[in-house]
PDB file of all heavy atoms in Angstrom:
ATOM      1  N   MET A   1       0.821  -1.206   0.000  1.00  0.00           N
ATOM      2  CA  MET A   1       0.000   0.000   0.000  1.00  0.00           C
ATOM      3  C   MET A   1       0.854   1.255   0.000  1.00  0.00           C
ATOM      4  O   MET A   1       0.559   2.218  -0.712  1.00  0.00           O
ATOM      5  CB  MET A   1      -0.929   0.011   1.213  1.00  0.00           C
ATOM      6  CG  MET A   1      -2.051  -0.981   1.146  1.00  0.00           C
ATOM      7  SD  MET A   1      -3.172  -0.845   2.530  1.00  0.00           S
ATOM      8  CE  MET A   1      -4.072   0.616   2.062  1.00  0.00           C
ATOM      9  N   VAL A   2       1.928   1.256   0.781  1.00  0.00           N
ATOM     10  CA  VAL A   2       2.791   2.433   0.867  1.00  0.00           C
ATOM     11  C   VAL A   2       3.527   2.659  -0.447  1.00  0.00           C
ATOM     12  O   VAL A   2       3.599   3.787  -0.939  1.00  0.00           O
ATOM     13  CB  VAL A   2       3.769   2.308   2.059  1.00  0.00           C
ATOM     14  CG1 VAL A   2       4.824   3.384   2.016  1.00  0.00           C
ATOM     15  CG2 VAL A   2       3.011   2.361   3.372  1.00  0.00           C
ATOM     16  N   VAL A   3       4.061   1.594  -1.039  1.00  0.00           N
ATOM     17  CA  VAL A   3       4.809   1.741  -2.293  1.00  0.00           C
ATOM     18  C   VAL A   3       3.892   2.255  -3.404  1.00  0.00           C
ATOM     19  O   VAL A   3       4.235   3.213  -4.109  1.00  0.00           O
ATOM     20  CB  VAL A   3       5.470   0.404  -2.687  1.00  0.00           C
ATOM     21  CG1 VAL A   3       6.021   0.458  -4.092  1.00  0.00           C
ATOM     22  CG2 VAL A   3       6.565   0.059  -1.699  1.00  0.00           C
ATOM     23  N   SER A   4       2.744   1.652  -3.566  1.00  0.00           N
ATOM     24  CA  SER A   4       1.836   2.112  -4.623  1.00  0.00           C
ATOM     25  C   SER A   4       1.245   3.478  -4.295  1.00  0.00           C
ATOM     26  O   SER A   4       1.052   4.311  -5.183  1.00  0.00           O
ATOM     27  CB  SER A   4       0.727   1.094  -4.870  1.00  0.00           C
ATOM     28  OG  SER A   4      -0.025   0.908  -3.698  1.00  0.00           O
ATOM     29  N   GLY A   5       0.985   3.740  -3.023  1.00  0.00           N
ATOM     30  CA  GLY A   5       0.456   5.036  -2.607  1.00  0.00           C
ATOM     31  C   GLY A   5       1.433   6.163  -2.831  1.00  0.00           C
ATOM     32  O   GLY A   5       1.057   7.262  -3.245  1.00  0.00           O
ATOM     33  N   LEU A   6       2.721   5.914  -2.569  1.00  0.00           N
ATOM     34  CA  LEU A   6       3.725   6.952  -2.816  1.00  0.00           C
ATOM     35  C   LEU A   6       3.825   7.265  -4.303  1.00  0.00           C
ATOM     36  O   LEU A   6       3.980   8.426  -4.689  1.00  0.00           O
ATOM     37  CB  LEU A   6       5.089   6.523  -2.269  1.00  0.00           C
ATOM     38  CG  LEU A   6       5.253   6.648  -0.772  1.00  0.00           C
ATOM     39  CD1 LEU A   6       6.602   6.084  -0.329  1.00  0.00           C
ATOM     40  CD2 LEU A   6       5.129   8.086  -0.330  1.00  0.00           C
ATOM     41  N   GLY A   7       3.724   6.246  -5.131  1.00  0.00           N
ATOM     42  CA  GLY A   7       3.725   6.484  -6.571  1.00  0.00           C
ATOM     43  C   GLY A   7       2.548   7.354  -6.995  1.00  0.00           C
ATOM     44  O   GLY A   7       2.703   8.288  -7.786  1.00  0.00           O
ATOM     45  N   LEU A   8       1.370   7.045  -6.463  1.00  0.00           N
ATOM     46  CA  LEU A   8       0.191   7.857  -6.767  1.00  0.00           C
ATOM     47  C   LEU A   8       0.320   9.268  -6.214  1.00  0.00           C
ATOM     48  O   LEU A   8      -0.112  10.233  -6.853  1.00  0.00           O
ATOM     49  CB  LEU A   8      -1.063   7.201  -6.193  1.00  0.00           C
ATOM     50  CG  LEU A   8      -1.592   5.998  -6.956  1.00  0.00           C
ATOM     51  CD1 LEU A   8      -2.724   5.335  -6.176  1.00  0.00           C
ATOM     52  CD2 LEU A   8      -2.081   6.411  -8.325  1.00  0.00           C
ATOM     53  N   ASP A   9       0.927   9.414  -5.024  1.00  0.00           N
ATOM     54  CA  ASP A   9       1.113  10.739  -4.442  1.00  0.00           C
ATOM     55  C   ASP A   9       2.056  11.589  -5.291  1.00  0.00           C
ATOM     56  O   ASP A   9       1.814  12.783  -5.490  1.00  0.00           O
ATOM     57  CB  ASP A   9       1.649  10.634  -3.014  1.00  0.00           C
ATOM     58  CG  ASP A   9       0.579  10.192  -2.033  1.00  0.00           C
ATOM     59  OD1 ASP A   9      -0.613  10.219  -2.389  1.00  0.00           O
ATOM     60  OD2 ASP A   9       0.942   9.805  -0.900  1.00  0.00           O
ATOM     61  N   ILE A  10       3.123  10.993  -5.784  1.00  0.00           N
ATOM     62  CA  ILE A  10       4.059  11.734  -6.637  1.00  0.00           C
ATOM     63  C   ILE A  10       3.382  12.132  -7.944  1.00  0.00           C
ATOM     64  O   ILE A  10       3.492  13.283  -8.392  1.00  0.00           O
ATOM     65  CB  ILE A  10       5.336  10.912  -6.886  1.00  0.00           C
ATOM     66  CG1 ILE A  10       6.125  10.798  -5.576  1.00  0.00           C
ATOM     67  CG2 ILE A  10       6.193  11.523  -7.992  1.00  0.00           C
ATOM     68  CD1 ILE A  10       7.258   9.808  -5.625  1.00  0.00           C
ATOM     69  N   LEU A  11       2.654  11.206  -8.541  1.00  0.00           N
ATOM     70  CA  LEU A  11       1.925  11.504  -9.768  1.00  0.00           C
ATOM     71  C   LEU A  11       0.880  12.597  -9.527  1.00  0.00           C
ATOM     72  O   LEU A  11       0.722  13.517 -10.339  1.00  0.00           O
ATOM     73  CB  LEU A  11       1.254  10.238 -10.301  1.00  0.00           C
ATOM     74  CG  LEU A  11       0.515  10.352 -11.616  1.00  0.00           C
ATOM     75  CD1 LEU A  11       1.489  10.656 -12.739  1.00  0.00           C
ATOM     76  CD2 LEU A  11      -0.230   9.071 -11.894  1.00  0.00           C
ATOM     77  N   SER A  12       0.198  12.533  -8.403  1.00  0.00           N
ATOM     78  CA  SER A  12      -0.796  13.545  -8.059  1.00  0.00           C
ATOM     79  C   SER A  12      -0.148  14.905  -7.842  1.00  0.00           C
ATOM     80  O   SER A  12      -0.706  15.934  -8.239  1.00  0.00           O
ATOM     81  CB  SER A  12      -1.556  13.147  -6.796  1.00  0.00           C
ATOM     82  OG  SER A  12      -2.206  11.927  -6.968  1.00  0.00           O
ATOM     83  N   GLY A  13       1.017  14.933  -7.219  1.00  0.00           N
ATOM     84  CA  GLY A  13       1.728  16.191  -7.011  1.00  0.00           C
ATOM     85  C   GLY A  13       2.101  16.859  -8.324  1.00  0.00           C
ATOM     86  O   GLY A  13       1.947  18.077  -8.481  1.00  0.00           O
ATOM     87  N   VAL A  14       2.559  16.067  -9.276  1.00  0.00           N
ATOM     88  CA  VAL A  14       2.889  16.604 -10.602  1.00  0.00           C
ATOM     89  C   VAL A  14       1.620  17.121 -11.279  1.00  0.00           C
ATOM     90  O   VAL A  14       1.623  18.204 -11.886  1.00  0.00           O
ATOM     91  CB  VAL A  14       3.595  15.529 -11.465  1.00  0.00           C
ATOM     92  CG1 VAL A  14       3.747  15.984 -12.894  1.00  0.00           C
ATOM     93  CG2 VAL A  14       4.944  15.176 -10.863  1.00  0.00           C
ATOM     94  N   LEU A  15       0.538  16.378 -11.175  1.00  0.00           N
ATOM     95  CA  LEU A  15      -0.727  16.795 -11.773  1.00  0.00           C
ATOM     96  C   LEU A  15      -1.228  18.101 -11.154  1.00  0.00           C
ATOM     97  O   LEU A  15      -1.655  19.018 -11.878  1.00  0.00           O
ATOM     98  CB  LEU A  15      -1.775  15.700 -11.601  1.00  0.00           C
ATOM     99  CG  LEU A  15      -3.161  16.012 -12.139  1.00  0.00           C
ATOM    100  CD1 LEU A  15      -3.138  16.109 -13.660  1.00  0.00           C
ATOM    101  CD2 LEU A  15      -4.147  14.962 -11.684  1.00  0.00           C
ATOM    102  N   ILE A  16      -1.163  18.221  -9.837  1.00  0.00           N
ATOM    103  CA  ILE A  16      -1.590  19.450  -9.160  1.00  0.00           C
ATOM    104  C   ILE A  16      -0.725  20.623  -9.600  1.00  0.00           C
ATOM    105  O   ILE A  16      -1.229  21.718  -9.865  1.00  0.00           O
ATOM    106  CB  ILE A  16      -1.544  19.270  -7.630  1.00  0.00           C
ATOM    107  CG1 ILE A  16      -2.635  18.308  -7.193  1.00  0.00           C
ATOM    108  CG2 ILE A  16      -1.699  20.606  -6.912  1.00  0.00           C
ATOM    109  CD1 ILE A  16      -2.506  17.857  -5.750  1.00  0.00           C
ATOM    110  N   TRP A  17       0.575  20.418  -9.687  1.00  0.00           N
ATOM    111  CA  TRP A  17       1.479  21.485 -10.124  1.00  0.00           C
ATOM    112  C   TRP A  17       1.111  21.954 -11.528  1.00  0.00           C
ATOM    113  O   TRP A  17       1.057  23.154 -11.800  1.00  0.00           O
ATOM    114  CB  TRP A  17       2.932  20.996 -10.068  1.00  0.00           C
ATOM    115  CG  TRP A  17       3.909  22.050 -10.426  1.00  0.00           C
ATOM    116  CD1 TRP A  17       4.392  23.033  -9.612  1.00  0.00           C
ATOM    117  CD2 TRP A  17       4.524  22.235 -11.701  1.00  0.00           C
ATOM    118  NE1 TRP A  17       5.269  23.812 -10.319  1.00  0.00           N
ATOM    119  CE2 TRP A  17       5.371  23.349 -11.597  1.00  0.00           C
ATOM    120  CE3 TRP A  17       4.431  21.562 -12.915  1.00  0.00           C
ATOM    121  CZ2 TRP A  17       6.127  23.811 -12.656  1.00  0.00           C
ATOM    122  CZ3 TRP A  17       5.188  22.019 -13.978  1.00  0.00           C
ATOM    123  CH2 TRP A  17       6.023  23.125 -13.852  1.00  0.00           C
ATOM    124  N   CYS A  18       0.842  21.011 -12.432  1.00  0.00           N
ATOM    125  CA  CYS A  18       0.473  21.362 -13.806  1.00  0.00           C
ATOM    126  C   CYS A  18      -0.844  22.128 -13.850  1.00  0.00           C
ATOM    127  O   CYS A  18      -0.974  23.120 -14.577  1.00  0.00           O
ATOM    128  CB  CYS A  18       0.388  20.114 -14.676  1.00  0.00           C
ATOM    129  SG  CYS A  18       1.966  19.325 -14.995  1.00  0.00           S
ATOM    130  N   VAL A  19      -1.826  21.684 -13.073  1.00  0.00           N
ATOM    131  CA  VAL A  19      -3.123  22.368 -13.041  1.00  0.00           C
ATOM    132  C   VAL A  19      -2.960  23.790 -12.518  1.00  0.00           C
ATOM    133  O   VAL A  19      -3.538  24.737 -13.071  1.00  0.00           O
ATOM    134  CB  VAL A  19      -4.139  21.572 -12.186  1.00  0.00           C
ATOM    135  CG1 VAL A  19      -5.364  22.394 -11.866  1.00  0.00           C
ATOM    136  CG2 VAL A  19      -4.523  20.295 -12.891  1.00  0.00           C
ATOM    137  N   LEU A  20      -2.174  23.969 -11.473  1.00  0.00           N
ATOM    138  CA  LEU A  20      -1.965  25.312 -10.934  1.00  0.00           C
ATOM    139  C   LEU A  20      -1.218  26.207 -11.917  1.00  0.00           C
ATOM    140  O   LEU A  20      -1.526  27.393 -12.038  1.00  0.00           O
ATOM    141  CB  LEU A  20      -1.222  25.243  -9.599  1.00  0.00           C
ATOM    142  CG  LEU A  20      -2.034  24.686  -8.432  1.00  0.00           C
ATOM    143  CD1 LEU A  20      -1.164  24.583  -7.188  1.00  0.00           C
ATOM    144  CD2 LEU A  20      -3.247  25.540  -8.162  1.00  0.00           C
ATOM    145  N   ARG A  21      -0.235  25.663 -12.615  1.00  0.00           N
ATOM    146  CA  ARG A  21       0.493  26.454 -13.622  1.00  0.00           C
ATOM    147  C   ARG A  21      -0.459  26.929 -14.713  1.00  0.00           C
ATOM    148  O   ARG A  21      -0.407  28.079 -15.134  1.00  0.00           O
ATOM    149  CB  ARG A  21       1.628  25.646 -14.238  1.00  0.00           C
ATOM    150  CG  ARG A  21       2.764  25.310 -13.300  1.00  0.00           C
ATOM    151  CD  ARG A  21       3.585  26.500 -12.987  1.00  0.00           C
ATOM    152  NE  ARG A  21       4.264  26.924 -14.210  1.00  0.00           N
ATOM    153  CZ  ARG A  21       5.057  27.962 -14.297  1.00  0.00           C
ATOM    154  NH1 ARG A  21       5.285  28.700 -13.244  1.00  0.00           N
ATOM    155  NH2 ARG A  21       5.619  28.284 -15.424  1.00  0.00           N
ATOM    156  N   VAL A  22      -1.326  26.048 -15.182  1.00  0.00           N
ATOM    157  CA  VAL A  22      -2.292  26.425 -16.218  1.00  0.00           C
ATOM    158  C   VAL A  22      -3.274  27.458 -15.668  1.00  0.00           C
ATOM    159  O   VAL A  22      -3.587  28.446 -16.336  1.00  0.00           O
ATOM    160  CB  VAL A  22      -3.036  25.185 -16.758  1.00  0.00           C
ATOM    161  CG1 VAL A  22      -4.217  25.574 -17.632  1.00  0.00           C
ATOM    162  CG2 VAL A  22      -2.076  24.283 -17.521  1.00  0.00           C
ATOM    163  N   ALA A  23      -3.757  27.247 -14.456  1.00  0.00           N
ATOM    164  CA  ALA A  23      -4.714  28.181 -13.852  1.00  0.00           C
ATOM    165  C   ALA A  23      -4.095  29.566 -13.703  1.00  0.00           C
ATOM    166  O   ALA A  23      -4.740  30.577 -14.020  1.00  0.00           O
ATOM    167  CB  ALA A  23      -5.180  27.652 -12.499  1.00  0.00           C
ATOM    168  N   PHE A  24      -2.865  29.641 -13.222  1.00  0.00           N
ATOM    169  CA  PHE A  24      -2.214  30.939 -13.070  1.00  0.00           C
ATOM    170  C   PHE A  24      -1.926  31.593 -14.417  1.00  0.00           C
ATOM    171  O   PHE A  24      -2.023  32.791 -14.571  1.00  0.00           O
ATOM    172  CB  PHE A  24      -0.923  30.823 -12.265  1.00  0.00           C
ATOM    173  CG  PHE A  24      -1.161  30.637 -10.777  1.00  0.00           C
ATOM    174  CD1 PHE A  24      -0.451  29.687 -10.090  1.00  0.00           C
ATOM    175  CD2 PHE A  24      -2.071  31.411 -10.097  1.00  0.00           C
ATOM    176  CE1 PHE A  24      -0.656  29.496  -8.726  1.00  0.00           C
ATOM    177  CE2 PHE A  24      -2.294  31.236  -8.742  1.00  0.00           C
ATOM    178  CZ  PHE A  24      -1.582  30.281  -8.053  1.00  0.00           C
ATOM    179  N   SER A  25      -1.559  30.807 -15.414  1.00  0.00           N
ATOM    180  CA  SER A  25      -1.277  31.378 -16.740  1.00  0.00           C
ATOM    181  C   SER A  25      -2.553  31.901 -17.406  1.00  0.00           C
ATOM    182  O   SER A  25      -2.493  32.778 -18.250  1.00  0.00           O
ATOM    183  CB  SER A  25      -0.580  30.370 -17.641  1.00  0.00           C
ATOM    184  OG  SER A  25      -1.468  29.331 -17.983  1.00  0.00           O
ATOM    185  N   LEU A  26      -3.715  31.351 -17.034  1.00  0.00           N
ATOM    186  CA  LEU A  26      -4.978  31.828 -17.568  1.00  0.00           C
ATOM    187  C   LEU A  26      -5.537  33.010 -16.787  1.00  0.00           C
ATOM    188  O   LEU A  26      -6.601  33.526 -17.115  1.00  0.00           O
ATOM    189  CB  LEU A  26      -6.007  30.692 -17.589  1.00  0.00           C
ATOM    190  CG  LEU A  26      -5.712  29.552 -18.561  1.00  0.00           C
ATOM    191  CD1 LEU A  26      -6.728  28.448 -18.396  1.00  0.00           C
ATOM    192  CD2 LEU A  26      -5.700  30.065 -19.983  1.00  0.00           C
ATOM    193  N   GLY A  27      -4.824  33.441 -15.760  1.00  0.00           N
ATOM    194  CA  GLY A  27      -5.222  34.618 -15.018  1.00  0.00           C
ATOM    195  C   GLY A  27      -5.925  34.364 -13.699  1.00  0.00           C
ATOM    196  O   GLY A  27      -6.405  35.293 -13.062  1.00  0.00           O
ATOM    197  N   TRP A  28      -6.006  33.130 -13.263  1.00  0.00           N
ATOM    198  CA  TRP A  28      -6.660  32.841 -11.980  1.00  0.00           C
ATOM    199  C   TRP A  28      -5.770  33.316 -10.838  1.00  0.00           C
ATOM    200  O   TRP A  28      -4.560  33.096 -10.844  1.00  0.00           O
ATOM    201  CB  TRP A  28      -6.912  31.353 -11.828  1.00  0.00           C
ATOM    202  CG  TRP A  28      -7.550  30.993 -10.516  1.00  0.00           C
ATOM    203  CD1 TRP A  28      -8.854  31.076 -10.205  1.00  0.00           C
ATOM    204  CD2 TRP A  28      -6.887  30.514  -9.353  1.00  0.00           C
ATOM    205  NE1 TRP A  28      -9.050  30.663  -8.921  1.00  0.00           N
ATOM    206  CE2 TRP A  28      -7.843  30.315  -8.371  1.00  0.00           C
ATOM    207  CE3 TRP A  28      -5.554  30.239  -9.047  1.00  0.00           C
ATOM    208  CZ2 TRP A  28      -7.550  29.861  -7.104  1.00  0.00           C
ATOM    209  CZ3 TRP A  28      -5.251  29.778  -7.784  1.00  0.00           C
ATOM    210  CH2 TRP A  28      -6.257  29.599  -6.825  1.00  0.00           C
ATOM    211  N   THR A  29      -6.354  33.980  -9.857  1.00  0.00           N
ATOM    212  CA  THR A  29      -5.624  34.347  -8.649  1.00  0.00           C
ATOM    213  C   THR A  29      -6.477  33.961  -7.451  1.00  0.00           C
ATOM    214  O   THR A  29      -7.711  34.033  -7.510  1.00  0.00           O
ATOM    215  CB  THR A  29      -5.318  35.864  -8.578  1.00  0.00           C
ATOM    216  OG1 THR A  29      -6.555  36.575  -8.555  1.00  0.00           O
ATOM    217  CG2 THR A  29      -4.490  36.309  -9.761  1.00  0.00           C
ATOM    218  N   PRO A  30      -5.852  33.561  -6.359  1.00  0.00           N
ATOM    219  CA  PRO A  30      -6.631  33.131  -5.196  1.00  0.00           C
ATOM    220  C   PRO A  30      -7.303  34.282  -4.456  1.00  0.00           C
ATOM    221  O   PRO A  30      -8.135  34.060  -3.603  1.00  0.00           O
ATOM    222  CB  PRO A  30      -5.603  32.448  -4.306  1.00  0.00           C
ATOM    223  CG  PRO A  30      -4.295  32.997  -4.735  1.00  0.00           C
ATOM    224  CD  PRO A  30      -4.432  33.351  -6.175  1.00  0.00           C
TER     225      PRO A  30
END
């Protein structure tokens, strides 16, 4: 569970980073 979960967490972190980069480039601000 830990090995597969860490893989998913790393993949999720990259996905979140990409989504935030796109959101900020489109003009979204918090």
